[in-house]
Amino acid sequence: MAGFGFDARKAVRHLIAADPALAPIIDAVGPFRMELKHSRSLFGALAEAIVYQQLSNKAAATIYGRVEALYPRARDGFTPRHILKTPDEALRGCGLSRAKVLAVQDLARKVQGGELPTLEEAQALDDAALIERLVTVRGIGRWSAEMFLMFRLGRPDVLPLDDYSLRKAYAKAFRKRALPSAQAFERHGEKWRPYRTVASWYLWQTLNAP
């Protein structure tokens, strides 16, 4: 599958063999169709992630569009320098909360100062090392870093233990009476290595099923 550095069909076969309970879920959902989001840069991807946090996609897209509109000449998207030269009031005027303004500014400073890897450099780092670098940014927690690895870089073996909807999907799919603890979920997820991203995607799809 384009953008992914692994064979999706091989991953599905591995998951079915390692955890037969996933077989009916995979069969019901069908082929692996997870889509990666295009990233112009690590800064652009993380800035968008910050804006989208805790908002509906529609509301976040509106706010992000307003931020982009501040820089009509930035054909390849706004840069750290753009953000750092923009008054707080202008960013707040786009709909960003005070916390998100501080987070985007911190991201801009860290990228401009070389404290974070470029997108190309990020590709060469292993998951743990990259997450450790990303969470130094204000407003970027482990979950946001994991979403970046999964949906921007296409990493095959990420299991976001703090994702409520994923744990809910697991409880539904495996007929648990209560949400699993992060520890219990992690233990079960060991079966899915090295394709925990693929297993996660299939579980998320069950939330859309009748």
N, C-alpha and C. Protein backbone atom coordinates (compact mmCIF):
# COMPACT_ATOMS: atom_id res chain seq x y z
N MET A 1 0.86 -1.20 0.00
CA MET A 1 0.00 0.00 0.00
C MET A 1 0.89 1.25 0.00
N ALA A 2 0.53 2.20 -0.84
CA ALA A 2 1.34 3.40 -1.00
C ALA A 2 1.53 4.13 0.33
N GLY A 3 2.78 4.52 0.60
CA GLY A 3 3.07 5.28 1.79
C GLY A 3 3.47 4.45 2.99
N PHE A 4 3.13 3.18 2.96
CA PHE A 4 3.47 2.31 4.08
C PHE A 4 4.71 1.49 3.74
N GLY A 5 5.57 1.32 4.74
CA GLY A 5 6.79 0.57 4.51
C GLY A 5 6.65 -0.90 4.87
N PHE A 6 5.42 -1.43 4.77
CA PHE A 6 5.21 -2.84 5.07
C PHE A 6 4.11 -3.38 4.17
N ASP A 7 4.05 -4.70 4.06
CA ASP A 7 3.06 -5.37 3.24
C ASP A 7 1.79 -5.57 4.07
N ALA A 8 0.72 -4.87 3.71
CA ALA A 8 -0.51 -4.92 4.49
C ALA A 8 -1.11 -6.32 4.53
N ARG A 9 -1.03 -7.04 3.43
CA ARG A 9 -1.60 -8.40 3.39
C ARG A 9 -0.83 -9.34 4.32
N LYS A 10 0.48 -9.17 4.35
CA LYS A 10 1.29 -9.96 5.27
C LYS A 10 0.94 -9.62 6.71
N ALA A 11 0.73 -8.35 6.98
CA ALA A 11 0.37 -7.92 8.34
C ALA A 11 -0.95 -8.53 8.77
N VAL A 12 -1.93 -8.54 7.88
CA VAL A 12 -3.25 -9.11 8.20
C VAL A 12 -3.13 -10.61 8.47
N ARG A 13 -2.37 -11.30 7.65
CA ARG A 13 -2.18 -12.74 7.86
C ARG A 13 -1.52 -13.00 9.21
N HIS A 14 -0.56 -12.17 9.56
CA HIS A 14 0.13 -12.33 10.85
C HIS A 14 -0.85 -12.13 12.00
N LEU A 15 -1.69 -11.11 11.92
CA LEU A 15 -2.62 -10.83 13.01
C LEU A 15 -3.62 -11.96 13.19
N ILE A 16 -4.12 -12.51 12.10
CA ILE A 16 -5.09 -13.61 12.18
C ILE A 16 -4.45 -14.84 12.82
N ALA A 17 -3.19 -15.11 12.45
CA ALA A 17 -2.49 -16.27 13.01
C ALA A 17 -2.15 -16.06 14.48
N ALA A 18 -1.76 -14.83 14.83
CA ALA A 18 -1.33 -14.54 16.20
C ALA A 18 -2.50 -14.40 17.16
N ASP A 19 -3.63 -13.92 16.65
CA ASP A 19 -4.81 -13.68 17.50
C ASP A 19 -6.06 -14.00 16.68
N PRO A 20 -6.46 -15.29 16.63
CA PRO A 20 -7.61 -15.70 15.81
C PRO A 20 -8.89 -14.94 16.12
N ALA A 21 -8.99 -14.36 17.33
CA ALA A 21 -10.19 -13.59 17.67
C ALA A 21 -10.34 -12.35 16.80
N LEU A 22 -9.25 -11.92 16.16
CA LEU A 22 -9.33 -10.77 15.26
C LEU A 22 -9.89 -11.16 13.90
N ALA A 23 -9.88 -12.44 13.58
CA ALA A 23 -10.28 -12.89 12.24
C ALA A 23 -11.67 -12.42 11.83
N PRO A 24 -12.71 -12.60 12.68
CA PRO A 24 -14.03 -12.13 12.26
C PRO A 24 -14.12 -10.61 12.11
N ILE A 25 -13.32 -9.89 12.90
CA ILE A 25 -13.29 -8.43 12.80
C ILE A 25 -12.70 -8.02 11.46
N ILE A 26 -11.57 -8.62 11.13
CA ILE A 26 -10.89 -8.33 9.86
C ILE A 26 -11.78 -8.70 8.69
N ASP A 27 -12.44 -9.85 8.80
CA ASP A 27 -13.33 -10.31 7.73
C ASP A 27 -14.49 -9.33 7.53
N ALA A 28 -15.04 -8.81 8.63
CA ALA A 28 -16.17 -7.89 8.54
C ALA A 28 -15.76 -6.53 7.98
N VAL A 29 -14.57 -6.08 8.34
CA VAL A 29 -14.10 -4.76 7.90
C VAL A 29 -13.61 -4.79 6.46
N GLY A 30 -12.92 -5.88 6.11
CA GLY A 30 -12.37 -5.99 4.76
C GLY A 30 -10.91 -5.61 4.70
N PRO A 31 -10.40 -5.34 3.50
CA PRO A 31 -8.97 -5.03 3.34
C PRO A 31 -8.53 -3.82 4.15
N PHE A 32 -7.26 -3.79 4.48
CA PHE A 32 -6.66 -2.67 5.22
C PHE A 32 -6.64 -1.44 4.31
N ARG A 33 -7.36 -0.39 4.71
CA ARG A 33 -7.48 0.80 3.86
C ARG A 33 -7.10 2.08 4.61
N MET A 34 -6.29 1.96 5.60
CA MET A 34 -5.88 3.15 6.35
C MET A 34 -5.16 4.13 5.42
N GLU A 35 -5.51 5.41 5.53
CA GLU A 35 -4.92 6.43 4.68
C GLU A 35 -3.98 7.33 5.47
N LEU A 36 -2.84 7.60 4.87
CA LEU A 36 -1.89 8.52 5.50
C LEU A 36 -2.20 9.95 5.09
N LYS A 37 -1.97 10.88 6.03
CA LYS A 37 -2.15 12.29 5.74
C LYS A 37 -0.84 12.84 5.18
N HIS A 38 -0.94 13.60 4.12
CA HIS A 38 0.26 14.20 3.52
C HIS A 38 0.88 15.22 4.47
N SER A 39 2.18 15.22 4.55
CA SER A 39 2.90 16.17 5.41
C SER A 39 3.94 16.92 4.59
N ARG A 40 3.85 18.25 4.59
CA ARG A 40 4.87 19.04 3.91
C ARG A 40 6.14 19.10 4.75
N SER A 41 5.94 19.10 6.06
CA SER A 41 7.08 19.19 6.98
C SER A 41 6.62 18.69 8.34
N LEU A 42 7.59 18.40 9.20
CA LEU A 42 7.25 18.01 10.56
C LEU A 42 6.56 19.16 11.27
N PHE A 43 7.04 20.37 11.05
CA PHE A 43 6.41 21.54 11.68
C PHE A 43 4.95 21.66 11.25
N GLY A 44 4.70 21.56 9.96
CA GLY A 44 3.33 21.70 9.47
C GLY A 44 2.41 20.63 10.03
N ALA A 45 2.90 19.41 10.10
CA ALA A 45 2.08 18.32 10.62
C ALA A 45 1.75 18.51 12.09
N LEU A 46 2.74 18.90 12.88
CA LEU A 46 2.51 19.07 14.32
C LEU A 46 1.70 20.33 14.62
N ALA A 47 1.90 21.37 13.83
CA ALA A 47 1.08 22.58 14.02
C ALA A 47 -0.38 22.26 13.77
N GLU A 48 -0.64 21.49 12.74
CA GLU A 48 -2.02 21.09 12.44
C GLU A 48 -2.57 20.22 13.56
N ALA A 49 -1.74 19.31 14.08
CA ALA A 49 -2.18 18.44 15.17
C ALA A 49 -2.58 19.26 16.40
N ILE A 50 -1.79 20.29 16.70
CA ILE A 50 -2.10 21.15 17.85
C ILE A 50 -3.44 21.86 17.65
N VAL A 51 -3.64 22.41 16.47
CA VAL A 51 -4.89 23.12 16.18
C VAL A 51 -6.10 22.19 16.31
N TYR A 52 -5.95 20.96 15.86
CA TYR A 52 -7.08 20.02 15.81
C TYR A 52 -7.41 19.38 17.15
N GLN A 53 -6.54 19.52 18.13
CA GLN A 53 -6.78 18.86 19.42
C GLN A 53 -8.09 19.31 20.04
N GLN A 54 -8.88 18.32 20.48
CA GLN A 54 -10.12 18.53 21.24
C GLN A 54 -11.17 19.36 20.50
N LEU A 55 -11.11 19.36 19.17
CA LEU A 55 -12.10 20.05 18.36
C LEU A 55 -12.67 19.10 17.32
N SER A 56 -13.86 19.38 16.83
CA SER A 56 -14.38 18.61 15.70
C SER A 56 -13.53 18.94 14.47
N ASN A 57 -13.49 18.03 13.52
CA ASN A 57 -12.70 18.28 12.31
C ASN A 57 -13.16 19.55 11.59
N LYS A 58 -14.47 19.79 11.58
CA LYS A 58 -15.00 20.97 10.89
C LYS A 58 -14.54 22.26 11.55
N ALA A 59 -14.65 22.32 12.87
CA ALA A 59 -14.25 23.53 13.59
C ALA A 59 -12.74 23.75 13.47
N ALA A 60 -11.96 22.65 13.61
CA ALA A 60 -10.51 22.77 13.52
C ALA A 60 -10.07 23.21 12.14
N ALA A 61 -10.71 22.67 11.10
CA ALA A 61 -10.35 23.03 9.73
C ALA A 61 -10.61 24.51 9.48
N THR A 62 -11.67 25.03 10.05
CA THR A 62 -11.99 26.45 9.90
C THR A 62 -10.91 27.31 10.54
N ILE A 63 -10.52 26.95 11.77
CA ILE A 63 -9.49 27.71 12.48
C ILE A 63 -8.15 27.61 11.76
N TYR A 64 -7.81 26.39 11.33
CA TYR A 64 -6.53 26.21 10.64
C TYR A 64 -6.51 27.02 9.35
N GLY A 65 -7.64 27.06 8.66
CA GLY A 65 -7.72 27.85 7.44
C GLY A 65 -7.51 29.33 7.70
N ARG A 66 -8.01 29.80 8.83
CA ARG A 66 -7.79 31.21 9.19
C ARG A 66 -6.33 31.51 9.46
N VAL A 67 -5.65 30.55 10.12
CA VAL A 67 -4.22 30.74 10.37
C VAL A 67 -3.46 30.79 9.04
N GLU A 68 -3.78 29.87 8.15
CA GLU A 68 -3.11 29.86 6.84
C GLU A 68 -3.36 31.17 6.09
N ALA A 69 -4.57 31.71 6.26
CA ALA A 69 -4.92 32.95 5.54
C ALA A 69 -4.11 34.15 6.02
N LEU A 70 -3.49 34.05 7.19
CA LEU A 70 -2.62 35.13 7.67
C LEU A 70 -1.39 35.28 6.80
N TYR A 71 -1.07 34.23 6.05
CA TYR A 71 0.18 34.22 5.27
C TYR A 71 -0.13 33.88 3.81
N PRO A 72 -0.76 34.78 3.08
CA PRO A 72 -1.18 34.48 1.70
C PRO A 72 -0.03 34.20 0.74
N ARG A 73 1.17 34.65 1.07
CA ARG A 73 2.31 34.42 0.17
C ARG A 73 3.04 33.11 0.48
N ALA A 74 2.63 32.43 1.54
CA ALA A 74 3.31 31.19 1.93
C ALA A 74 2.71 30.02 1.13
N ARG A 75 3.18 29.83 -0.07
CA ARG A 75 2.60 28.82 -0.97
C ARG A 75 2.78 27.40 -0.45
N ASP A 76 3.86 27.17 0.30
CA ASP A 76 4.12 25.83 0.83
C ASP A 76 3.72 25.71 2.29
N GLY A 77 2.86 26.62 2.74
CA GLY A 77 2.42 26.58 4.12
C GLY A 77 3.25 27.50 5.00
N PHE A 78 2.65 27.95 6.10
CA PHE A 78 3.37 28.84 7.00
C PHE A 78 4.51 28.10 7.70
N THR A 79 5.50 28.86 8.10
CA THR A 79 6.73 28.31 8.67
C THR A 79 6.89 28.75 10.12
N PRO A 80 7.87 28.18 10.83
CA PRO A 80 8.14 28.66 12.19
C PRO A 80 8.39 30.17 12.24
N ARG A 81 9.09 30.67 11.25
CA ARG A 81 9.38 32.11 11.23
C ARG A 81 8.10 32.94 11.13
N HIS A 82 7.16 32.47 10.31
CA HIS A 82 5.88 33.17 10.21
C HIS A 82 5.21 33.26 11.58
N ILE A 83 5.13 32.13 12.26
CA ILE A 83 4.44 32.08 13.55
C ILE A 83 5.12 32.99 14.58
N LEU A 84 6.45 32.95 14.61
CA LEU A 84 7.17 33.71 15.63
C LEU A 84 7.12 35.22 15.37
N LYS A 85 6.81 35.62 14.14
CA LYS A 85 6.69 37.05 13.83
C LYS A 85 5.25 37.56 13.96
N THR A 86 4.33 36.65 14.26
CA THR A 86 2.92 37.02 14.33
C THR A 86 2.51 37.35 15.76
N PRO A 87 1.88 38.49 15.99
CA PRO A 87 1.43 38.84 17.35
C PRO A 87 0.44 37.81 17.88
N ASP A 88 0.48 37.61 19.18
CA ASP A 88 -0.44 36.67 19.82
C ASP A 88 -1.89 36.98 19.46
N GLU A 89 -2.22 38.29 19.42
CA GLU A 89 -3.61 38.69 19.20
C GLU A 89 -4.10 38.22 17.83
N ALA A 90 -3.21 38.22 16.85
CA ALA A 90 -3.60 37.78 15.51
C ALA A 90 -3.90 36.28 15.50
N LEU A 91 -3.10 35.51 16.21
CA LEU A 91 -3.32 34.07 16.29
C LEU A 91 -4.59 33.77 17.09
N ARG A 92 -4.78 34.51 18.17
CA ARG A 92 -6.00 34.33 18.97
C ARG A 92 -7.23 34.69 18.14
N GLY A 93 -7.07 35.68 17.28
CA GLY A 93 -8.17 36.13 16.43
C GLY A 93 -8.62 35.07 15.44
N CYS A 94 -7.74 34.11 15.18
CA CYS A 94 -8.11 33.01 14.27
C CYS A 94 -8.97 31.96 14.97
N GLY A 95 -9.02 32.07 16.30
CA GLY A 95 -9.80 31.09 17.05
C GLY A 95 -8.96 30.18 17.90
N LEU A 96 -7.64 30.39 17.91
CA LEU A 96 -6.77 29.55 18.74
C LEU A 96 -6.89 29.97 20.20
N SER A 97 -6.95 28.99 21.08
CA SER A 97 -6.94 29.28 22.51
C SER A 97 -5.57 29.77 22.91
N ARG A 98 -5.49 30.37 24.10
CA ARG A 98 -4.20 30.84 24.61
C ARG A 98 -3.21 29.68 24.70
N ALA A 99 -3.69 28.54 25.17
CA ALA A 99 -2.81 27.37 25.31
C ALA A 99 -2.28 26.91 23.95
N LYS A 100 -3.12 26.95 22.93
CA LYS A 100 -2.67 26.50 21.60
C LYS A 100 -1.71 27.50 20.96
N VAL A 101 -1.92 28.79 21.23
CA VAL A 101 -0.97 29.79 20.74
C VAL A 101 0.41 29.52 21.35
N LEU A 102 0.45 29.29 22.64
CA LEU A 102 1.73 29.00 23.31
C LEU A 102 2.36 27.72 22.77
N ALA A 103 1.51 26.72 22.48
CA ALA A 103 2.03 25.45 21.97
C ALA A 103 2.61 25.60 20.58
N VAL A 104 1.91 26.30 19.70
CA VAL A 104 2.41 26.50 18.33
C VAL A 104 3.69 27.34 18.34
N GLN A 105 3.75 28.32 19.22
CA GLN A 105 4.96 29.14 19.32
C GLN A 105 6.14 28.31 19.83
N ASP A 106 5.88 27.44 20.81
CA ASP A 106 6.94 26.58 21.33
C ASP A 106 7.44 25.62 20.25
N LEU A 107 6.51 25.08 19.48
CA LEU A 107 6.87 24.21 18.36
C LEU A 107 7.73 24.97 17.37
N ALA A 108 7.33 26.19 17.03
CA ALA A 108 8.08 26.99 16.07
C ALA A 108 9.50 27.26 16.56
N ARG A 109 9.62 27.60 17.85
CA ARG A 109 10.97 27.88 18.40
C ARG A 109 11.84 26.63 18.35
N LYS A 110 11.27 25.50 18.71
CA LYS A 110 12.06 24.26 18.75
C LYS A 110 12.47 23.81 17.35
N VAL A 111 11.59 23.97 16.39
CA VAL A 111 11.94 23.61 15.01
C VAL A 111 12.99 24.56 14.47
N GLN A 112 12.79 25.86 14.68
CA GLN A 112 13.75 26.85 14.18
C GLN A 112 15.10 26.70 14.85
N GLY A 113 15.09 26.27 16.12
CA GLY A 113 16.35 26.10 16.84
C GLY A 113 17.03 24.76 16.61
N GLY A 114 16.43 23.93 15.76
CA GLY A 114 17.03 22.64 15.44
C GLY A 114 16.88 21.60 16.54
N GLU A 115 15.97 21.83 17.47
CA GLU A 115 15.77 20.88 18.56
C GLU A 115 14.93 19.67 18.14
N LEU A 116 14.22 19.81 17.04
CA LEU A 116 13.41 18.72 16.53
C LEU A 116 13.95 18.27 15.18
N PRO A 117 13.74 17.00 14.83
CA PRO A 117 14.23 16.52 13.54
C PRO A 117 13.39 17.05 12.39
N THR A 118 13.96 17.07 11.21
CA THR A 118 13.17 17.34 10.02
C THR A 118 12.31 16.11 9.74
N LEU A 119 11.41 16.22 8.80
CA LEU A 119 10.57 15.08 8.45
C LEU A 119 11.43 13.93 7.95
N GLU A 120 12.44 14.25 7.16
CA GLU A 120 13.34 13.22 6.64
C GLU A 120 14.12 12.56 7.77
N GLU A 121 14.59 13.35 8.71
CA GLU A 121 15.34 12.80 9.85
C GLU A 121 14.43 11.97 10.75
N ALA A 122 13.17 12.40 10.88
CA ALA A 122 12.22 11.66 11.70
C ALA A 122 12.01 10.25 11.15
N GLN A 123 12.03 10.13 9.83
CA GLN A 123 11.84 8.82 9.21
C GLN A 123 12.92 7.82 9.64
N ALA A 124 14.09 8.34 9.96
CA ALA A 124 15.22 7.46 10.30
C ALA A 124 15.27 7.10 11.78
N LEU A 125 14.45 7.75 12.62
CA LEU A 125 14.46 7.47 14.05
C LEU A 125 13.49 6.35 14.39
N ASP A 126 13.83 5.54 15.40
CA ASP A 126 12.89 4.51 15.81
C ASP A 126 11.74 5.16 16.59
N ASP A 127 10.68 4.40 16.80
CA ASP A 127 9.47 4.96 17.40
C ASP A 127 9.72 5.62 18.75
N ALA A 128 10.40 4.90 19.64
CA ALA A 128 10.61 5.41 20.99
C ALA A 128 11.43 6.69 20.99
N ALA A 129 12.48 6.72 20.18
CA ALA A 129 13.35 7.90 20.12
C ALA A 129 12.60 9.10 19.55
N LEU A 130 11.77 8.86 18.55
CA LEU A 130 11.03 9.96 17.94
C LEU A 130 9.97 10.50 18.88
N ILE A 131 9.26 9.61 19.55
CA ILE A 131 8.25 10.06 20.52
C ILE A 131 8.90 10.90 21.62
N GLU A 132 10.07 10.45 22.08
CA GLU A 132 10.79 11.19 23.13
C GLU A 132 11.11 12.61 22.68
N ARG A 133 11.45 12.78 21.42
CA ARG A 133 11.76 14.11 20.90
C ARG A 133 10.48 14.95 20.76
N LEU A 134 9.43 14.35 20.27
CA LEU A 134 8.21 15.10 19.98
C LEU A 134 7.52 15.61 21.24
N VAL A 135 7.54 14.81 22.29
CA VAL A 135 6.80 15.20 23.50
C VAL A 135 7.49 16.32 24.28
N THR A 136 8.64 16.77 23.81
CA THR A 136 9.26 17.94 24.43
C THR A 136 8.52 19.22 24.05
N VAL A 137 7.69 19.14 23.03
CA VAL A 137 6.94 20.31 22.57
C VAL A 137 5.72 20.52 23.46
N ARG A 138 5.53 21.73 23.88
CA ARG A 138 4.34 22.06 24.67
C ARG A 138 3.09 21.68 23.86
N GLY A 139 2.17 20.98 24.49
CA GLY A 139 0.92 20.63 23.83
C GLY A 139 0.98 19.35 23.02
N ILE A 140 2.17 18.76 22.88
CA ILE A 140 2.28 17.48 22.17
C ILE A 140 2.57 16.40 23.21
N GLY A 141 1.55 15.63 23.55
CA GLY A 141 1.72 14.52 24.47
C GLY A 141 2.00 13.24 23.73
N ARG A 142 2.05 12.15 24.46
CA ARG A 142 2.35 10.87 23.85
C ARG A 142 1.32 10.49 22.78
N TRP A 143 0.04 10.73 23.08
CA TRP A 143 -1.00 10.37 22.12
C TRP A 143 -0.83 11.11 20.80
N SER A 144 -0.57 12.41 20.87
CA SER A 144 -0.38 13.19 19.64
C SER A 144 0.84 12.69 18.87
N ALA A 145 1.89 12.35 19.59
CA ALA A 145 3.09 11.82 18.94
C ALA A 145 2.79 10.49 18.26
N GLU A 146 2.01 9.65 18.94
CA GLU A 146 1.67 8.35 18.35
C GLU A 146 0.79 8.51 17.11
N MET A 147 -0.12 9.47 17.13
CA MET A 147 -0.94 9.72 15.94
C MET A 147 -0.07 10.17 14.78
N PHE A 148 0.96 10.96 15.07
CA PHE A 148 1.90 11.40 14.03
C PHE A 148 2.61 10.19 13.43
N LEU A 149 3.07 9.29 14.29
CA LEU A 149 3.77 8.10 13.80
C LEU A 149 2.85 7.23 12.95
N MET A 150 1.61 7.08 13.39
CA MET A 150 0.68 6.21 12.68
C MET A 150 0.19 6.82 11.37
N PHE A 151 -0.35 8.04 11.45
CA PHE A 151 -1.09 8.61 10.32
C PHE A 151 -0.28 9.54 9.44
N ARG A 152 0.91 9.89 9.88
CA ARG A 152 1.78 10.72 9.03
C ARG A 152 2.96 9.89 8.48
N LEU A 153 3.55 9.06 9.35
CA LEU A 153 4.72 8.29 8.94
C LEU A 153 4.39 6.85 8.54
N GLY A 154 3.20 6.38 8.91
CA GLY A 154 2.82 5.01 8.54
C GLY A 154 3.60 3.95 9.28
N ARG A 155 3.98 4.23 10.53
CA ARG A 155 4.72 3.24 11.31
C ARG A 155 3.80 2.04 11.61
N PRO A 156 4.31 0.82 11.48
CA PRO A 156 3.45 -0.36 11.57
C PRO A 156 3.12 -0.84 12.97
N ASP A 157 3.89 -0.43 13.99
CA ASP A 157 3.75 -1.10 15.29
C ASP A 157 3.51 -0.12 16.42
N VAL A 158 2.48 0.70 16.28
CA VAL A 158 2.12 1.67 17.32
C VAL A 158 0.79 1.26 17.93
N LEU A 159 0.74 1.23 19.25
CA LEU A 159 -0.50 0.92 19.97
C LEU A 159 -0.76 2.06 20.95
N PRO A 160 -1.65 3.00 20.61
CA PRO A 160 -1.90 4.15 21.47
C PRO A 160 -2.77 3.79 22.68
N LEU A 161 -2.13 3.45 23.76
CA LEU A 161 -2.83 2.94 24.94
C LEU A 161 -3.74 3.96 25.58
N ASP A 162 -3.48 5.25 25.37
CA ASP A 162 -4.29 6.29 25.99
C ASP A 162 -5.49 6.70 25.14
N ASP A 163 -5.68 6.02 24.01
CA ASP A 163 -6.78 6.38 23.13
C ASP A 163 -8.07 5.73 23.64
N TYR A 164 -8.98 6.57 24.14
CA TYR A 164 -10.23 6.05 24.72
C TYR A 164 -11.04 5.27 23.70
N SER A 165 -11.15 5.80 22.48
CA SER A 165 -11.98 5.14 21.48
C SER A 165 -11.41 3.77 21.10
N LEU A 166 -10.09 3.64 21.12
CA LEU A 166 -9.47 2.36 20.79
C LEU A 166 -9.74 1.33 21.88
N ARG A 167 -9.63 1.75 23.13
CA ARG A 167 -9.93 0.82 24.23
C ARG A 167 -11.42 0.46 24.24
N LYS A 168 -12.26 1.41 23.88
CA LYS A 168 -13.69 1.14 23.76
C LYS A 168 -13.94 0.12 22.65
N ALA A 169 -13.26 0.29 21.53
CA ALA A 169 -13.41 -0.65 20.41
C ALA A 169 -12.93 -2.04 20.80
N TYR A 170 -11.83 -2.10 21.55
CA TYR A 170 -11.32 -3.39 22.01
C TYR A 170 -12.34 -4.07 22.91
N ALA A 171 -12.91 -3.31 23.85
CA ALA A 171 -13.90 -3.89 24.75
C ALA A 171 -15.11 -4.40 23.99
N LYS A 172 -15.53 -3.66 22.99
CA LYS A 172 -16.68 -4.07 22.16
C LYS A 172 -16.34 -5.32 21.36
N ALA A 173 -15.19 -5.31 20.70
CA ALA A 173 -14.82 -6.42 19.82
C ALA A 173 -14.56 -7.71 20.58
N PHE A 174 -14.00 -7.59 21.78
CA PHE A 174 -13.66 -8.78 22.55
C PHE A 174 -14.67 -9.04 23.67
N ARG A 175 -15.79 -8.33 23.61
CA ARG A 175 -16.93 -8.55 24.52
C ARG A 175 -16.54 -8.45 25.99
N LYS A 176 -15.82 -7.38 26.28
CA LYS A 176 -15.46 -7.10 27.67
C LYS A 176 -16.56 -6.24 28.30
N ARG A 177 -16.83 -6.47 29.56
CA ARG A 177 -17.88 -5.70 30.23
C ARG A 177 -17.43 -4.28 30.56
N ALA A 178 -16.13 -4.09 30.67
CA ALA A 178 -15.61 -2.77 31.03
C ALA A 178 -14.40 -2.46 30.16
N LEU A 179 -14.07 -1.18 30.09
CA LEU A 179 -12.86 -0.80 29.34
C LEU A 179 -11.64 -1.44 30.00
N PRO A 180 -10.71 -1.93 29.21
CA PRO A 180 -9.50 -2.51 29.81
C PRO A 180 -8.61 -1.41 30.36
N SER A 181 -7.84 -1.75 31.35
CA SER A 181 -6.81 -0.81 31.80
C SER A 181 -5.76 -0.74 30.70
N ALA A 182 -4.96 0.32 30.75
CA ALA A 182 -3.89 0.45 29.76
C ALA A 182 -2.95 -0.74 29.84
N GLN A 183 -2.71 -1.22 31.06
CA GLN A 183 -1.79 -2.34 31.24
C GLN A 183 -2.35 -3.63 30.64
N ALA A 184 -3.65 -3.88 30.86
CA ALA A 184 -4.27 -5.09 30.32
C ALA A 184 -4.32 -5.02 28.80
N PHE A 185 -4.62 -3.85 28.28
CA PHE A 185 -4.68 -3.68 26.83
C PHE A 185 -3.29 -3.89 26.22
N GLU A 186 -2.28 -3.35 26.86
CA GLU A 186 -0.91 -3.50 26.37
C GLU A 186 -0.51 -4.97 26.35
N ARG A 187 -0.89 -5.71 27.40
CA ARG A 187 -0.54 -7.14 27.45
C ARG A 187 -1.18 -7.90 26.28
N HIS A 188 -2.45 -7.63 26.05
CA HIS A 188 -3.10 -8.32 24.92
C HIS A 188 -2.47 -7.90 23.60
N GLY A 189 -2.14 -6.62 23.49
CA GLY A 189 -1.57 -6.11 22.26
C GLY A 189 -0.22 -6.68 21.90
N GLU A 190 0.44 -7.32 22.86
CA GLU A 190 1.73 -7.95 22.55
C GLU A 190 1.57 -9.01 21.46
N LYS A 191 0.38 -9.61 21.40
CA LYS A 191 0.14 -10.62 20.37
C LYS A 191 0.24 -10.03 18.96
N TRP A 192 -0.05 -8.75 18.84
CA TRP A 192 -0.16 -8.14 17.52
C TRP A 192 1.15 -7.60 16.97
N ARG A 193 2.19 -7.59 17.79
CA ARG A 193 3.49 -7.13 17.27
C ARG A 193 3.90 -7.98 16.07
N PRO A 194 4.55 -7.41 15.06
CA PRO A 194 4.97 -6.01 14.91
C PRO A 194 3.99 -5.18 14.07
N TYR A 195 2.69 -5.49 14.18
CA TYR A 195 1.70 -4.78 13.37
C TYR A 195 0.56 -4.23 14.24
N ARG A 196 0.92 -3.61 15.35
CA ARG A 196 -0.13 -3.11 16.25
C ARG A 196 -0.89 -1.92 15.65
N THR A 197 -0.26 -1.19 14.74
CA THR A 197 -0.97 -0.12 14.03
C THR A 197 -2.13 -0.70 13.23
N VAL A 198 -1.86 -1.80 12.55
CA VAL A 198 -2.88 -2.43 11.71
C VAL A 198 -4.02 -2.95 12.58
N ALA A 199 -3.68 -3.61 13.69
CA ALA A 199 -4.71 -4.10 14.61
C ALA A 199 -5.54 -2.93 15.15
N SER A 200 -4.88 -1.83 15.48
CA SER A 200 -5.59 -0.65 16.00
C SER A 200 -6.57 -0.12 14.96
N TRP A 201 -6.14 -0.04 13.72
CA TRP A 201 -7.01 0.46 12.66
C TRP A 201 -8.26 -0.41 12.53
N TYR A 202 -8.08 -1.72 12.56
CA TYR A 202 -9.23 -2.61 12.44
C TYR A 202 -10.18 -2.44 13.63
N LEU A 203 -9.63 -2.29 14.81
CA LEU A 203 -10.49 -2.09 15.98
C LEU A 203 -11.27 -0.79 15.87
N TRP A 204 -10.62 0.27 15.44
CA TRP A 204 -11.32 1.56 15.28
C TRP A 204 -12.50 1.42 14.32
N GLN A 205 -12.33 0.61 13.28
CA GLN A 205 -13.41 0.47 12.29
C GLN A 205 -14.66 -0.16 12.89
N THR A 206 -14.51 -0.95 13.94
CA THR A 206 -15.68 -1.60 14.54
C THR A 206 -16.61 -0.59 15.18
N LEU A 207 -16.11 0.59 15.52
CA LEU A 207 -16.96 1.61 16.12
C LEU A 207 -17.95 2.18 15.12
N ASN A 208 -17.66 2.00 13.83
CA ASN A 208 -18.56 2.49 12.79
C ASN A 208 -19.56 1.43 12.35
N ALA A 209 -19.37 0.21 12.86
CA ALA A 209 -20.26 -0.89 12.47
C ALA A 209 -21.58 -0.82 13.25
N PRO A 210 -22.66 -1.34 12.67
CA PRO A 210 -23.96 -1.34 13.38
C PRO A 210 -23.88 -2.10 14.68
